[in-house]
Amino acid sequence: MTNENASGGRMEFRTAGVIGAGAWGTALAQVCVRAGLDTTLQAREPQLVETLRTTRANDLYLPGVPLAEGLKFTADLADLGDCDLILAVPPAQHMRATLTAFAPHHRPGVPVVLCSKGVERGTMKLMTEVLAETLPDAPAAVLSGPSFAGEVARGLPTAVTLACADQALGQALLSTLSAPGFRPYLATDLIGAEAGGALKNVLAIACGVSEGRQLGRSAHAALITRGFAEMTRLAVAMGGQAETVAGLCGLGDLVLTCSSPQSRNMSLGLALGQGQTVEQALAGKRSVAEGYESAPAVRALAARLGVETPIAEGIAALLAGEITVDGLIDGLLSRPLKAERV
């Protein structure tokens, strides 16, 4: 794909490297192939790479989906060094280590599209901040929105937000990543896009708890609505825009993730609501529930910014063993009465 940047130069994206061969990384590699890009998918495990090559399937993370013809595989990050475009899709808590490992192979100016959702534990930083510290010469974009990997991989209709501060680059990426069944919408607010994606995973755990306890559809709707208010407050406090969070990367993603046990985060909450411990709920899971990893960082970040996020704070406390499910429910229902506002 070829586009002009603001200075009149040409931006061409012909090859894409996708870092991370989990379910979402594999699905996005499928999108890149359908968009006409020469695409290489990188996996950490050489054994997985060999399986991908021989079976043309990723049954470990995305079972039942035949992989596109022409999709290539590697375990070596160096093999992505000549790519025109990088999609970074490791778990959020491994983003820093992954980008640091890729840094010797990254060519200055090659854009990196961040496709993982979360807040880094310890630093409380978003993925764009992690990218700026590890690959300072990489133009950044964020891909986020309501999307289940299996549906995207199969080519079912999906719409997402593609956020990029550089509008010319954003338009180029928009054209490049648009594919049959995959429709990105352009935004310039990276913080808003990231904040929505990070917090919705924590809120989905809350909706799962409600479902597991059979608290009813009214409670479910209340959690989504008040959770959206928390998401908006936090995004604005971080420097994002409320209108961004009201789009696909915020409200859209929240509705999807909070409405189906297909969501890893909601399924975690469902197990907790049904009486399992955190350890039992996580046992045997190959895919990461990002809400579990991000909840402590989201709670700490909200506290630092002075933002009220009672649902997210309650989930963080539940996951840390500080309160029980009943304590979480009682705590939310006994909060002081107040006017409804974001």
Protein backbone atom coordinates (compact mmCIF):
# COMPACT_ATOMS: atom_id res chain seq x y z
CA MET A 1 0.00 0.00 0.00
CA THR A 2 1.27 3.47 -0.91
CA ASN A 3 0.29 6.81 0.61
CA GLU A 4 1.78 10.28 0.81
CA ASN A 5 2.89 11.78 4.11
CA ALA A 6 2.57 15.42 5.09
CA SER A 7 5.88 16.35 3.45
CA GLY A 8 4.88 14.76 0.17
CA GLY A 9 6.95 11.62 0.63
CA ARG A 10 5.59 8.20 -0.13
CA MET A 11 4.77 5.67 2.57
CA GLU A 12 4.72 2.13 1.26
CA PHE A 13 3.79 -0.90 3.30
CA ARG A 14 4.35 -4.16 1.51
CA THR A 15 5.62 -6.41 4.30
CA ALA A 16 4.30 -6.86 7.82
CA GLY A 17 5.80 -8.55 10.85
CA VAL A 18 3.45 -9.67 13.60
CA ILE A 19 5.14 -10.23 16.98
CA GLY A 20 3.27 -12.76 19.09
CA ALA A 21 1.56 -15.92 17.84
CA GLY A 22 -1.21 -16.12 20.42
CA ALA A 23 -4.84 -16.05 19.34
CA TRP A 24 -4.94 -12.30 18.64
CA GLY A 25 -1.56 -12.16 16.93
CA THR A 26 -2.51 -15.07 14.70
CA ALA A 27 -5.84 -13.43 13.82
CA LEU A 28 -4.13 -10.15 12.92
CA ALA A 29 -1.62 -12.01 10.76
CA GLN A 30 -4.60 -13.43 8.87
CA VAL A 31 -5.91 -9.87 8.41
CA CYS A 32 -2.55 -8.71 7.06
CA VAL A 33 -2.47 -11.50 4.49
CA ARG A 34 -6.04 -10.73 3.40
CA ALA A 35 -5.01 -7.07 3.08
CA GLY A 36 -2.35 -8.08 0.57
CA LEU A 37 0.73 -7.80 2.79
CA ASP A 38 3.64 -10.22 2.69
CA THR A 39 3.30 -11.28 6.33
CA THR A 40 5.53 -13.09 8.83
CA LEU A 41 4.19 -14.23 12.21
CA GLN A 42 6.73 -14.55 15.01
CA ALA A 43 6.35 -16.99 17.90
CA ARG A 44 8.70 -17.36 20.85
CA GLU A 45 8.61 -21.16 20.81
CA PRO A 46 10.50 -22.87 17.94
CA GLN A 47 8.31 -25.94 18.41
CA LEU A 48 5.18 -23.88 17.81
CA VAL A 49 6.74 -22.40 14.68
CA GLU A 50 7.43 -25.86 13.32
CA THR A 51 3.85 -26.89 14.07
CA LEU A 52 2.50 -23.80 12.32
CA ARG A 53 4.57 -24.56 9.26
CA THR A 54 3.64 -28.22 9.02
CA THR A 55 -0.05 -28.11 9.98
CA ARG A 56 -0.97 -24.60 8.75
CA ALA A 57 -2.99 -24.22 11.94
CA ASN A 58 -2.51 -22.76 15.43
CA ASP A 59 -4.49 -25.32 17.39
CA LEU A 60 -2.68 -24.30 20.58
CA TYR A 61 -4.21 -20.82 20.68
CA LEU A 62 -6.72 -20.59 17.83
CA PRO A 63 -8.10 -24.06 17.13
CA GLY A 64 -10.20 -24.83 14.10
CA VAL A 65 -8.95 -21.95 11.93
CA PRO A 66 -6.95 -22.81 8.79
CA LEU A 67 -4.11 -20.34 8.35
CA ALA A 68 -3.87 -18.27 5.21
CA GLU A 69 -1.75 -19.47 2.33
CA GLY A 70 1.39 -17.38 2.09
CA LEU A 71 1.60 -16.61 5.81
CA LYS A 72 5.16 -17.24 6.98
CA PHE A 73 6.43 -18.12 10.44
CA THR A 74 9.59 -17.56 12.46
CA ALA A 75 10.91 -17.78 16.00
CA ASP A 76 13.61 -15.19 15.33
CA LEU A 77 12.80 -11.50 15.79
CA ALA A 78 15.67 -10.67 13.45
CA ASP A 79 13.58 -12.05 10.58
CA LEU A 80 11.21 -9.10 11.03
CA GLY A 81 13.95 -6.51 10.67
CA ASP A 82 13.22 -5.86 6.98
CA CYS A 83 9.47 -5.48 7.41
CA ASP A 84 7.84 -2.16 6.51
CA LEU A 85 5.33 -2.43 9.33
CA ILE A 86 5.29 -4.13 12.74
CA LEU A 87 2.25 -5.24 14.71
CA ALA A 88 3.22 -5.84 18.35
CA VAL A 89 0.87 -8.38 19.97
CA PRO A 90 2.58 -9.91 23.03
CA PRO A 91 0.74 -9.86 26.37
CA ALA A 92 0.83 -6.34 27.75
CA GLN A 93 3.00 -7.31 30.72
CA HIS A 94 5.61 -8.70 28.30
CA MET A 95 5.54 -5.77 25.88
CA ARG A 96 8.64 -4.07 27.32
CA ALA A 97 10.78 -7.20 27.23
CA THR A 98 9.56 -8.07 23.74
CA LEU A 99 10.23 -4.63 22.26
CA THR A 100 13.62 -4.48 23.99
CA ALA A 101 14.54 -7.77 22.35
CA PHE A 102 13.35 -6.49 18.98
CA ALA A 103 15.15 -3.13 19.27
CA PRO A 104 18.44 -4.27 17.63
CA HIS A 105 16.47 -5.34 14.55
CA HIS A 106 14.11 -2.37 14.24
CA ARG A 107 14.82 0.15 11.49
CA PRO A 108 14.21 3.78 12.53
CA GLY A 109 10.97 5.11 11.11
CA VAL A 110 9.23 1.74 10.76
CA PRO A 111 5.81 2.12 12.43
CA VAL A 112 4.79 -0.13 15.28
CA VAL A 113 1.08 -0.80 15.75
CA LEU A 114 0.40 -1.71 19.37
CA CYS A 115 -2.33 -4.34 19.57
CA SER A 116 -2.14 -5.39 23.24
CA LYS A 117 -4.36 -3.87 25.92
CA GLY A 118 -3.25 -3.15 29.45
CA VAL A 119 -1.35 -1.01 31.92
CA GLU A 120 2.18 -2.08 32.84
CA ARG A 121 2.44 -3.24 36.42
CA GLY A 122 4.95 -1.36 38.54
CA THR A 123 5.34 1.60 36.18
CA MET A 124 1.60 2.18 35.54
CA LYS A 125 2.50 3.06 31.94
CA LEU A 126 0.48 2.54 28.80
CA MET A 127 1.90 0.57 25.89
CA THR A 128 2.66 3.73 23.90
CA GLU A 129 4.87 4.90 26.77
CA VAL A 130 6.61 1.53 26.83
CA LEU A 131 7.18 1.80 23.07
CA ALA A 132 8.61 5.33 23.39
CA GLU A 133 11.14 4.09 25.94
CA THR A 134 12.18 0.94 24.09
CA LEU A 135 11.92 1.98 20.42
CA PRO A 136 12.11 5.80 20.46
CA ASP A 137 12.47 5.97 16.66
CA ALA A 138 9.26 4.04 16.00
CA PRO A 139 6.12 5.97 15.00
CA ALA A 140 3.28 4.62 17.13
CA ALA A 141 -0.26 3.55 16.43
CA VAL A 142 -2.83 1.73 18.55
CA LEU A 143 -5.29 -0.87 17.29
CA SER A 144 -8.20 -1.51 19.64
CA GLY A 145 -11.88 -2.34 19.50
CA PRO A 146 -14.53 -5.03 19.85
CA SER A 147 -12.92 -8.10 18.32
CA PHE A 148 -12.79 -11.78 19.20
CA ALA A 149 -9.74 -13.42 17.67
CA GLY A 150 -11.59 -16.43 16.29
CA GLU A 151 -14.12 -14.26 14.47
CA VAL A 152 -11.46 -11.96 13.03
CA ALA A 153 -9.34 -14.92 11.90
CA ARG A 154 -12.32 -16.39 10.07
CA GLY A 155 -13.04 -13.11 8.31
CA LEU A 156 -16.29 -12.29 10.09
CA PRO A 157 -17.23 -8.58 10.00
CA THR A 158 -15.28 -6.54 12.56
CA ALA A 159 -14.79 -2.80 13.10
CA VAL A 160 -11.97 -1.37 15.23
CA THR A 161 -10.27 1.90 16.10
CA LEU A 162 -6.84 2.68 14.66
CA ALA A 163 -5.35 5.59 16.61
CA CYS A 164 -2.33 7.48 15.32
CA ALA A 165 -1.19 11.01 16.17
CA ASP A 166 0.28 11.51 12.68
CA GLN A 167 -2.79 11.80 10.45
CA ALA A 168 -0.91 11.05 7.23
CA LEU A 169 0.60 7.91 8.71
CA GLY A 170 -2.77 7.02 10.19
CA GLN A 171 -4.43 7.26 6.77
CA ALA A 172 -1.70 5.08 5.29
CA LEU A 173 -2.13 2.46 8.00
CA LEU A 174 -5.90 2.65 7.65
CA SER A 175 -5.67 1.79 3.95
CA THR A 176 -3.02 -0.85 4.55
CA LEU A 177 -4.84 -2.80 7.27
CA SER A 178 -8.31 -2.58 5.80
CA ALA A 179 -9.28 -6.03 4.55
CA PRO A 180 -12.45 -7.94 3.63
CA GLY A 181 -14.42 -8.19 6.85
CA PHE A 182 -12.01 -5.94 8.80
CA ARG A 183 -12.83 -2.23 8.91
CA PRO A 184 -10.63 0.17 10.92
CA TYR A 185 -11.76 3.71 11.80
CA LEU A 186 -9.14 6.42 12.26
CA ALA A 187 -8.61 8.40 15.47
CA THR A 188 -5.77 10.62 16.67
CA ASP A 189 -6.26 10.08 20.42
CA LEU A 190 -3.89 7.27 21.39
CA ILE A 191 -4.41 7.73 25.14
CA GLY A 192 -8.18 7.42 24.86
CA ALA A 193 -7.84 4.31 22.71
CA GLU A 194 -5.43 2.69 25.15
CA ALA A 195 -7.32 3.64 28.30
CA GLY A 196 -10.53 2.11 26.98
CA GLY A 197 -8.81 -1.12 26.01
CA ALA A 198 -6.99 -1.44 29.31
CA LEU A 199 -9.89 -0.81 31.65
CA LYS A 200 -12.52 -2.83 29.79
CA ASN A 201 -10.72 -6.08 30.65
CA VAL A 202 -10.97 -5.35 34.36
CA LEU A 203 -14.63 -4.40 34.03
CA ALA A 204 -15.35 -7.61 32.11
CA ILE A 205 -14.22 -9.59 35.15
CA ALA A 206 -16.85 -7.72 37.17
CA CYS A 207 -19.56 -8.64 34.66
CA GLY A 208 -18.41 -12.25 34.81
CA VAL A 209 -18.71 -12.24 38.60
CA SER A 210 -22.26 -10.91 38.25
CA GLU A 211 -23.15 -13.65 35.77
CA GLY A 212 -21.56 -16.31 37.94
CA ARG A 213 -23.61 -15.18 40.94
CA GLN A 214 -26.74 -14.97 38.77
CA LEU A 215 -27.38 -11.39 39.78
CA GLY A 216 -29.53 -10.78 36.69
CA ARG A 217 -29.52 -8.65 33.54
CA SER A 218 -30.28 -5.44 35.43
CA ALA A 219 -27.06 -5.77 37.43
CA HIS A 220 -25.17 -6.63 34.25
CA ALA A 221 -26.43 -3.49 32.51
CA ALA A 222 -25.60 -1.35 35.55
CA LEU A 223 -22.04 -2.67 35.65
CA ILE A 224 -21.48 -1.88 31.96
CA THR A 225 -22.95 1.61 32.31
CA ARG A 226 -21.15 2.59 35.50
CA GLY A 227 -18.03 0.85 34.27
CA PHE A 228 -18.14 3.04 31.17
CA ALA A 229 -18.32 6.07 33.46
CA GLU A 230 -15.15 4.87 35.23
CA MET A 231 -13.45 4.29 31.90
CA THR A 232 -14.31 7.78 30.70
CA ARG A 233 -13.16 9.48 33.92
CA LEU A 234 -9.84 7.66 33.88
CA ALA A 235 -9.19 8.28 30.18
CA VAL A 236 -9.87 12.02 30.52
CA ALA A 237 -7.67 12.26 33.62
CA MET A 238 -4.85 10.62 31.65
CA GLY A 239 -5.20 13.14 28.83
CA GLY A 240 -7.56 11.25 26.52
CA GLN A 241 -10.81 12.43 25.02
CA ALA A 242 -14.27 11.35 26.13
CA GLU A 243 -15.46 11.05 22.52
CA THR A 244 -12.74 8.49 21.79
CA VAL A 245 -13.84 6.31 24.69
CA ALA A 246 -17.42 6.56 23.43
CA GLY A 247 -16.34 4.81 20.23
CA LEU A 248 -15.29 1.31 19.23
CA CYS A 249 -12.13 1.23 21.36
CA GLY A 250 -14.02 2.09 24.55
CA LEU A 251 -17.75 1.50 24.69
CA GLY A 252 -17.72 -0.96 21.80
CA ASP A 253 -14.98 -3.09 23.29
CA LEU A 254 -16.59 -2.89 26.73
CA VAL A 255 -19.95 -4.16 25.48
CA LEU A 256 -18.38 -7.11 23.64
CA THR A 257 -16.00 -8.16 26.39
CA CYS A 258 -18.66 -7.89 29.09
CA SER A 259 -21.29 -9.83 27.15
CA SER A 260 -19.79 -13.19 26.24
CA PRO A 261 -18.00 -15.97 28.13
CA GLN A 262 -15.84 -16.20 24.99
CA SER A 263 -14.01 -13.28 26.60
CA ARG A 264 -11.13 -14.60 28.71
CA ASN A 265 -11.71 -11.85 31.25
CA MET A 266 -15.43 -12.43 31.60
CA SER A 267 -14.87 -16.18 31.87
CA LEU A 268 -12.43 -15.54 34.73
CA GLY A 269 -15.06 -13.48 36.55
CA LEU A 270 -17.68 -16.12 35.82
CA ALA A 271 -15.56 -18.76 37.56
CA LEU A 272 -14.99 -16.48 40.55
CA GLY A 273 -18.69 -15.75 40.80
CA GLN A 274 -19.41 -19.48 40.80
CA GLY A 275 -17.15 -19.95 43.82
CA GLN A 276 -13.76 -20.83 42.38
CA THR A 277 -10.61 -19.28 43.81
CA VAL A 278 -8.41 -17.12 41.60
CA GLU A 279 -5.89 -19.95 41.42
CA GLN A 280 -8.54 -22.45 40.35
CA ALA A 281 -9.99 -20.07 37.77
CA LEU A 282 -6.58 -19.45 36.18
CA ALA A 283 -5.34 -23.05 36.30
CA GLY A 284 -4.64 -24.62 32.94
CA LYS A 285 -5.29 -21.45 30.94
CA ARG A 286 -2.90 -20.90 28.02
CA SER A 287 -4.24 -17.51 27.01
CA VAL A 288 -3.70 -14.53 29.27
CA ALA A 289 -6.63 -12.74 30.94
CA GLU A 290 -5.20 -9.23 30.65
CA GLY A 291 -7.64 -7.88 33.23
CA TYR A 292 -6.05 -10.06 35.90
CA GLU A 293 -2.61 -8.72 35.04
CA SER A 294 -3.69 -5.08 34.65
CA ALA A 295 -6.07 -4.71 37.60
CA PRO A 296 -3.41 -3.77 40.20
CA ALA A 297 -1.86 -1.22 37.82
CA VAL A 298 -5.26 0.26 36.95
CA ARG A 299 -6.09 0.63 40.64
CA ALA A 300 -2.74 2.27 41.39
CA LEU A 301 -3.00 4.58 38.38
CA ALA A 302 -6.52 5.71 39.32
CA ALA A 303 -5.38 6.39 42.88
CA ARG A 304 -2.42 8.42 41.65
CA LEU A 305 -4.68 10.51 39.42
CA GLY A 306 -7.39 10.87 42.06
CA VAL A 307 -10.01 9.18 39.87
CA GLU A 308 -12.90 7.30 41.44
CA THR A 309 -13.12 3.77 39.96
CA PRO A 310 -15.03 1.67 42.52
CA ILE A 311 -15.74 -1.28 40.20
CA ALA A 312 -12.16 -1.58 38.97
CA GLU A 313 -10.84 -1.04 42.50
CA GLY A 314 -13.15 -3.74 43.84
CA ILE A 315 -12.03 -6.24 41.19
CA ALA A 316 -8.37 -5.52 41.98
CA ALA A 317 -9.08 -6.16 45.65
CA LEU A 318 -10.94 -9.38 44.84
CA LEU A 319 -8.10 -10.69 42.68
CA ALA A 320 -5.60 -9.83 45.39
CA GLY A 321 -7.58 -11.78 48.00
CA GLU A 322 -8.37 -8.67 50.00
CA ILE A 323 -12.16 -9.15 49.78
CA THR A 324 -14.62 -11.89 48.89
CA VAL A 325 -17.18 -11.89 46.09
CA ASP A 326 -19.88 -11.08 48.64
CA GLY A 327 -17.70 -8.29 49.99
CA LEU A 328 -17.31 -6.90 46.47
CA ILE A 329 -21.06 -6.90 45.88
CA ASP A 330 -21.89 -5.41 49.29
CA GLY A 331 -19.22 -2.75 48.88
CA LEU A 332 -20.60 -1.54 45.56
CA LEU A 333 -24.23 -1.57 46.69
CA SER A 334 -23.55 0.25 49.96
CA ARG A 335 -21.69 3.20 48.44
CA PRO A 336 -23.14 6.63 49.27
CA LEU A 337 -26.07 7.69 47.10
CA LYS A 338 -25.18 10.35 44.57
CA ALA A 339 -26.24 12.05 41.36
CA GLU A 340 -25.63 10.09 38.16
CA ARG A 341 -22.81 11.61 36.16
CA VAL A 342 -19.65 10.57 34.40
